[in-house]
Amino acid sequence: MIILSVDYGDARTGVAICDKLEFLASPVCVINEGYQPKVAKRIAEIAADRKAELIVIGKPKNMDGSEGFRAEKCVELKNAVEELTEIPVDMWDERLTTVSAHKALNVTNTRGKDRKSVIDAVSAVMIHEDYMKFRKNSEK
């Protein structure tokens, strides 16, 4: 199944996608937009262009499992995307994905403007990989 994953941010939103076999997640782009209706529209367009069969939006939770303001914003984005497409939209706990993305970029020594331009897409890949692991473990 082709799955599109989203790391929604105030100014930038990372997007990643996997192959049909759900083997490899790859960054697609970073949407440099803060206005939620435009972000939702762009996500729906990318999903249609890439023939996504599922969209997964990261939902940040606090370490104690509670949800804050940012989680509410992500649910609002989910609802907006659902209004624009027939593709199912799921939410996924994205705790610590940005930390993991920063660690991955440290390994590749990505710094400065290069880092800022890709961190959100790398975070979307991290969300995607966690979601794919969950799906594979659920099938067993």
C-alpha atoms as a PDB file:
ATOM      1  CA  MET A   1       0.000   0.000   0.000  1.00  0.00           C
ATOM      2  CA  ILE A   2       1.340   3.440  -0.870  1.00  0.00           C
ATOM      3  CA  ILE A   3       1.254   5.532   2.290  1.00  0.00           C
ATOM      4  CA  LEU A   4       1.902   9.254   2.505  1.00  0.00           C
ATOM      5  CA  SER A   5       3.093  10.533   5.888  1.00  0.00           C
ATOM      6  CA  VAL A   6       2.971  14.097   7.160  1.00  0.00           C
ATOM      7  CA  ASP A   7       4.884  15.966   9.864  1.00  0.00           C
ATOM      8  CA  TYR A   8       2.769  19.103  10.322  1.00  0.00           C
ATOM      9  CA  GLY A   9       4.461  22.259  11.593  1.00  0.00           C
ATOM     10  CA  ASP A  10       3.628  25.917  12.082  1.00  0.00           C
ATOM     11  CA  ALA A  11       5.732  27.120   9.149  1.00  0.00           C
ATOM     12  CA  ARG A  12       6.906  23.926   7.418  1.00  0.00           C
ATOM     13  CA  THR A  13       5.294  20.541   6.862  1.00  0.00           C
ATOM     14  CA  GLY A  14       7.344  17.498   5.917  1.00  0.00           C
ATOM     15  CA  VAL A  15       5.939  14.874   3.577  1.00  0.00           C
ATOM     16  CA  ALA A  16       7.240  11.348   2.963  1.00  0.00           C
ATOM     17  CA  ILE A  17       5.989   8.319   1.030  1.00  0.00           C
ATOM     18  CA  CYS A  18       6.683   4.609   0.835  1.00  0.00           C
ATOM     19  CA  ASP A  19       6.776   2.141  -2.005  1.00  0.00           C
ATOM     20  CA  LYS A  20       3.856  -0.206  -2.656  1.00  0.00           C
ATOM     21  CA  LEU A  21       5.502  -2.986  -0.594  1.00  0.00           C
ATOM     22  CA  GLU A  22       5.895  -0.631   2.402  1.00  0.00           C
ATOM     23  CA  PHE A  23       9.579  -1.419   2.438  1.00  0.00           C
ATOM     24  CA  LEU A  24      11.197   1.989   2.086  1.00  0.00           C
ATOM     25  CA  ALA A  25      10.035   5.440   3.206  1.00  0.00           C
ATOM     26  CA  SER A  26      11.478   8.415   1.329  1.00  0.00           C
ATOM     27  CA  PRO A  27      11.110  12.169   1.772  1.00  0.00           C
ATOM     28  CA  VAL A  28       8.899  13.856  -0.839  1.00  0.00           C
ATOM     29  CA  CYS A  29       9.078  17.539   0.027  1.00  0.00           C
ATOM     30  CA  VAL A  30       8.686  20.222   2.622  1.00  0.00           C
ATOM     31  CA  ILE A  31       5.619  22.427   2.263  1.00  0.00           C
ATOM     32  CA  ASN A  32       6.729  25.938   3.236  1.00  0.00           C
ATOM     33  CA  GLU A  33       3.343  27.220   4.298  1.00  0.00           C
ATOM     34  CA  GLY A  34       1.756  27.975   7.648  1.00  0.00           C
ATOM     35  CA  TYR A  35      -1.853  28.525   6.586  1.00  0.00           C
ATOM     36  CA  GLN A  36      -3.634  25.242   7.350  1.00  0.00           C
ATOM     37  CA  PRO A  37      -6.160  25.254   4.456  1.00  0.00           C
ATOM     38  CA  LYS A  38      -3.300  25.650   1.956  1.00  0.00           C
ATOM     39  CA  VAL A  39      -1.293  22.907   3.668  1.00  0.00           C
ATOM     40  CA  ALA A  40      -4.311  20.560   3.576  1.00  0.00           C
ATOM     41  CA  LYS A  41      -4.877  21.312  -0.109  1.00  0.00           C
ATOM     42  CA  ARG A  42      -1.226  20.647  -0.963  1.00  0.00           C
ATOM     43  CA  ILE A  43      -1.249  17.361   0.980  1.00  0.00           C
ATOM     44  CA  ALA A  44      -4.359  16.242  -0.913  1.00  0.00           C
ATOM     45  CA  GLU A  45      -2.691  17.175  -4.222  1.00  0.00           C
ATOM     46  CA  ILE A  46       0.514  15.307  -3.396  1.00  0.00           C
ATOM     47  CA  ALA A  47      -1.466  12.254  -2.263  1.00  0.00           C
ATOM     48  CA  ALA A  48      -3.425  12.236  -5.532  1.00  0.00           C
ATOM     49  CA  ASP A  49      -0.286  12.765  -7.659  1.00  0.00           C
ATOM     50  CA  ARG A  50       1.558   9.961  -5.873  1.00  0.00           C
ATOM     51  CA  LYS A  51      -1.498   7.655  -5.889  1.00  0.00           C
ATOM     52  CA  ALA A  52      -1.419   7.310  -2.104  1.00  0.00           C
ATOM     53  CA  GLU A  53      -3.862   4.830  -0.616  1.00  0.00           C
ATOM     54  CA  LEU A  54      -3.524   6.121   2.955  1.00  0.00           C
ATOM     55  CA  ILE A  55      -2.372   9.381   4.553  1.00  0.00           C
ATOM     56  CA  VAL A  56      -0.799   9.306   8.017  1.00  0.00           C
ATOM     57  CA  ILE A  57      -0.492  12.556   9.950  1.00  0.00           C
ATOM     58  CA  GLY A  58       1.801  12.712  12.947  1.00  0.00           C
ATOM     59  CA  LYS A  59       0.054  13.634  16.178  1.00  0.00           C
ATOM     60  CA  PRO A  60       2.419  14.936  18.849  1.00  0.00           C
ATOM     61  CA  LYS A  61       1.720  13.679  22.325  1.00  0.00           C
ATOM     62  CA  ASN A  62       3.375  14.618  25.565  1.00  0.00           C
ATOM     63  CA  MET A  63       5.639  12.035  27.179  1.00  0.00           C
ATOM     64  CA  ASP A  64       2.833  11.151  29.620  1.00  0.00           C
ATOM     65  CA  GLY A  65       0.503  10.391  26.684  1.00  0.00           C
ATOM     66  CA  SER A  66      -1.599  13.521  27.080  1.00  0.00           C
ATOM     67  CA  GLU A  67      -2.370  15.752  24.117  1.00  0.00           C
ATOM     68  CA  GLY A  68      -1.742  19.454  23.900  1.00  0.00           C
ATOM     69  CA  PHE A  69      -2.387  22.383  21.588  1.00  0.00           C
ATOM     70  CA  ARG A  70      -0.223  21.021  18.745  1.00  0.00           C
ATOM     71  CA  ALA A  71      -2.123  17.696  18.738  1.00  0.00           C
ATOM     72  CA  GLU A  72      -5.379  19.640  18.330  1.00  0.00           C
ATOM     73  CA  LYS A  73      -3.896  21.460  15.323  1.00  0.00           C
ATOM     74  CA  CYS A  74      -2.940  18.120  13.772  1.00  0.00           C
ATOM     75  CA  VAL A  75      -6.485  16.788  14.252  1.00  0.00           C
ATOM     76  CA  GLU A  76      -7.798  19.938  12.555  1.00  0.00           C
ATOM     77  CA  LEU A  77      -5.430  19.280   9.638  1.00  0.00           C
ATOM     78  CA  LYS A  78      -6.640  15.669   9.456  1.00  0.00           C
ATOM     79  CA  ASN A  79     -10.247  16.863   9.240  1.00  0.00           C
ATOM     80  CA  ALA A  80      -9.366  19.399   6.533  1.00  0.00           C
ATOM     81  CA  VAL A  81      -7.509  16.783   4.458  1.00  0.00           C
ATOM     82  CA  GLU A  82     -10.433  14.343   4.804  1.00  0.00           C
ATOM     83  CA  GLU A  83     -12.745  16.995   3.352  1.00  0.00           C
ATOM     84  CA  LEU A  84     -10.491  17.341   0.292  1.00  0.00           C
ATOM     85  CA  THR A  85      -9.884  13.704  -0.573  1.00  0.00           C
ATOM     86  CA  GLU A  86     -11.431  10.259  -0.530  1.00  0.00           C
ATOM     87  CA  ILE A  87      -8.157   8.779   0.732  1.00  0.00           C
ATOM     88  CA  PRO A  88      -8.377   7.495   4.335  1.00  0.00           C
ATOM     89  CA  VAL A  89      -6.438   9.583   6.867  1.00  0.00           C
ATOM     90  CA  ASP A  90      -4.957   8.137  10.051  1.00  0.00           C
ATOM     91  CA  MET A  91      -3.114   9.733  12.969  1.00  0.00           C
ATOM     92  CA  TRP A  92       0.121   8.406  14.454  1.00  0.00           C
ATOM     93  CA  ASP A  93       1.902   9.256  17.704  1.00  0.00           C
ATOM     94  CA  GLU A  94       4.999  11.163  16.648  1.00  0.00           C
ATOM     95  CA  ARG A  95       6.722  11.530  20.021  1.00  0.00           C
ATOM     96  CA  LEU A  96      10.464  11.996  19.620  1.00  0.00           C
ATOM     97  CA  THR A  97      10.455  11.811  15.795  1.00  0.00           C
ATOM     98  CA  THR A  98      12.090  15.235  15.494  1.00  0.00           C
ATOM     99  CA  VAL A  99      14.771  14.124  17.967  1.00  0.00           C
ATOM    100  CA  SER A 100      15.381  11.020  15.830  1.00  0.00           C
ATOM    101  CA  ALA A 101      15.483  13.148  12.687  1.00  0.00           C
ATOM    102  CA  HIS A 102      18.104  15.452  14.235  1.00  0.00           C
ATOM    103  CA  LYS A 103      20.199  12.417  15.212  1.00  0.00           C
ATOM    104  CA  ALA A 104      19.978  11.055  11.657  1.00  0.00           C
ATOM    105  CA  LEU A 105      21.085  14.408  10.241  1.00  0.00           C
ATOM    106  CA  ASN A 106      23.967  14.517  12.736  1.00  0.00           C
ATOM    107  CA  VAL A 107      25.214  11.222  11.314  1.00  0.00           C
ATOM    108  CA  THR A 108      25.247  12.703   7.807  1.00  0.00           C
ATOM    109  CA  ASN A 109      26.769  15.962   9.129  1.00  0.00           C
ATOM    110  CA  THR A 110      23.906  18.011   7.651  1.00  0.00           C
ATOM    111  CA  ARG A 111      24.103  21.512   9.106  1.00  0.00           C
ATOM    112  CA  GLY A 112      22.784  25.059   8.727  1.00  0.00           C
ATOM    113  CA  LYS A 113      20.351  25.911   5.934  1.00  0.00           C
ATOM    114  CA  ASP A 114      20.570  22.375   4.531  1.00  0.00           C
ATOM    115  CA  ARG A 115      19.405  20.957   7.854  1.00  0.00           C
ATOM    116  CA  LYS A 116      16.548  23.443   8.245  1.00  0.00           C
ATOM    117  CA  SER A 117      15.280  22.680   4.744  1.00  0.00           C
ATOM    118  CA  VAL A 118      15.083  18.906   5.254  1.00  0.00           C
ATOM    119  CA  ILE A 119      14.422  18.298   8.958  1.00  0.00           C
ATOM    120  CA  ASP A 120      10.644  18.225   8.525  1.00  0.00           C
ATOM    121  CA  ALA A 121      10.797  15.769   5.617  1.00  0.00           C
ATOM    122  CA  VAL A 122      13.165  13.545   7.611  1.00  0.00           C
ATOM    123  CA  SER A 123      10.722  13.721  10.543  1.00  0.00           C
ATOM    124  CA  ALA A 124       7.949  12.612   8.166  1.00  0.00           C
ATOM    125  CA  VAL A 125      10.132   9.638   7.191  1.00  0.00           C
ATOM    126  CA  MET A 126      10.545   8.770  10.894  1.00  0.00           C
ATOM    127  CA  ILE A 127       6.766   8.886  11.400  1.00  0.00           C
ATOM    128  CA  HIS A 128       6.391   6.712   8.328  1.00  0.00           C
ATOM    129  CA  GLU A 129       8.914   4.115   9.455  1.00  0.00           C
ATOM    130  CA  ASP A 130       7.285   3.824  12.892  1.00  0.00           C
ATOM    131  CA  TYR A 131       3.858   3.444  11.290  1.00  0.00           C
ATOM    132  CA  MET A 132       5.108   0.770   8.858  1.00  0.00           C
ATOM    133  CA  LYS A 133       6.691  -1.196  11.739  1.00  0.00           C
ATOM    134  CA  PHE A 134       3.373  -1.065  13.577  1.00  0.00           C
ATOM    135  CA  ARG A 135       1.498  -2.328  10.499  1.00  0.00           C
ATOM    136  CA  LYS A 136       3.939  -5.188   9.964  1.00  0.00           C
ATOM    137  CA  ASN A 137       3.776  -6.229  13.621  1.00  0.00           C
ATOM    138  CA  SER A 138      -0.038  -6.016  13.578  1.00  0.00           C
ATOM    139  CA  GLU A 139      -0.211  -8.477  10.683  1.00  0.00           C
ATOM    140  CA  LYS A 140       1.607 -11.196  12.649  1.00  0.00           C
END
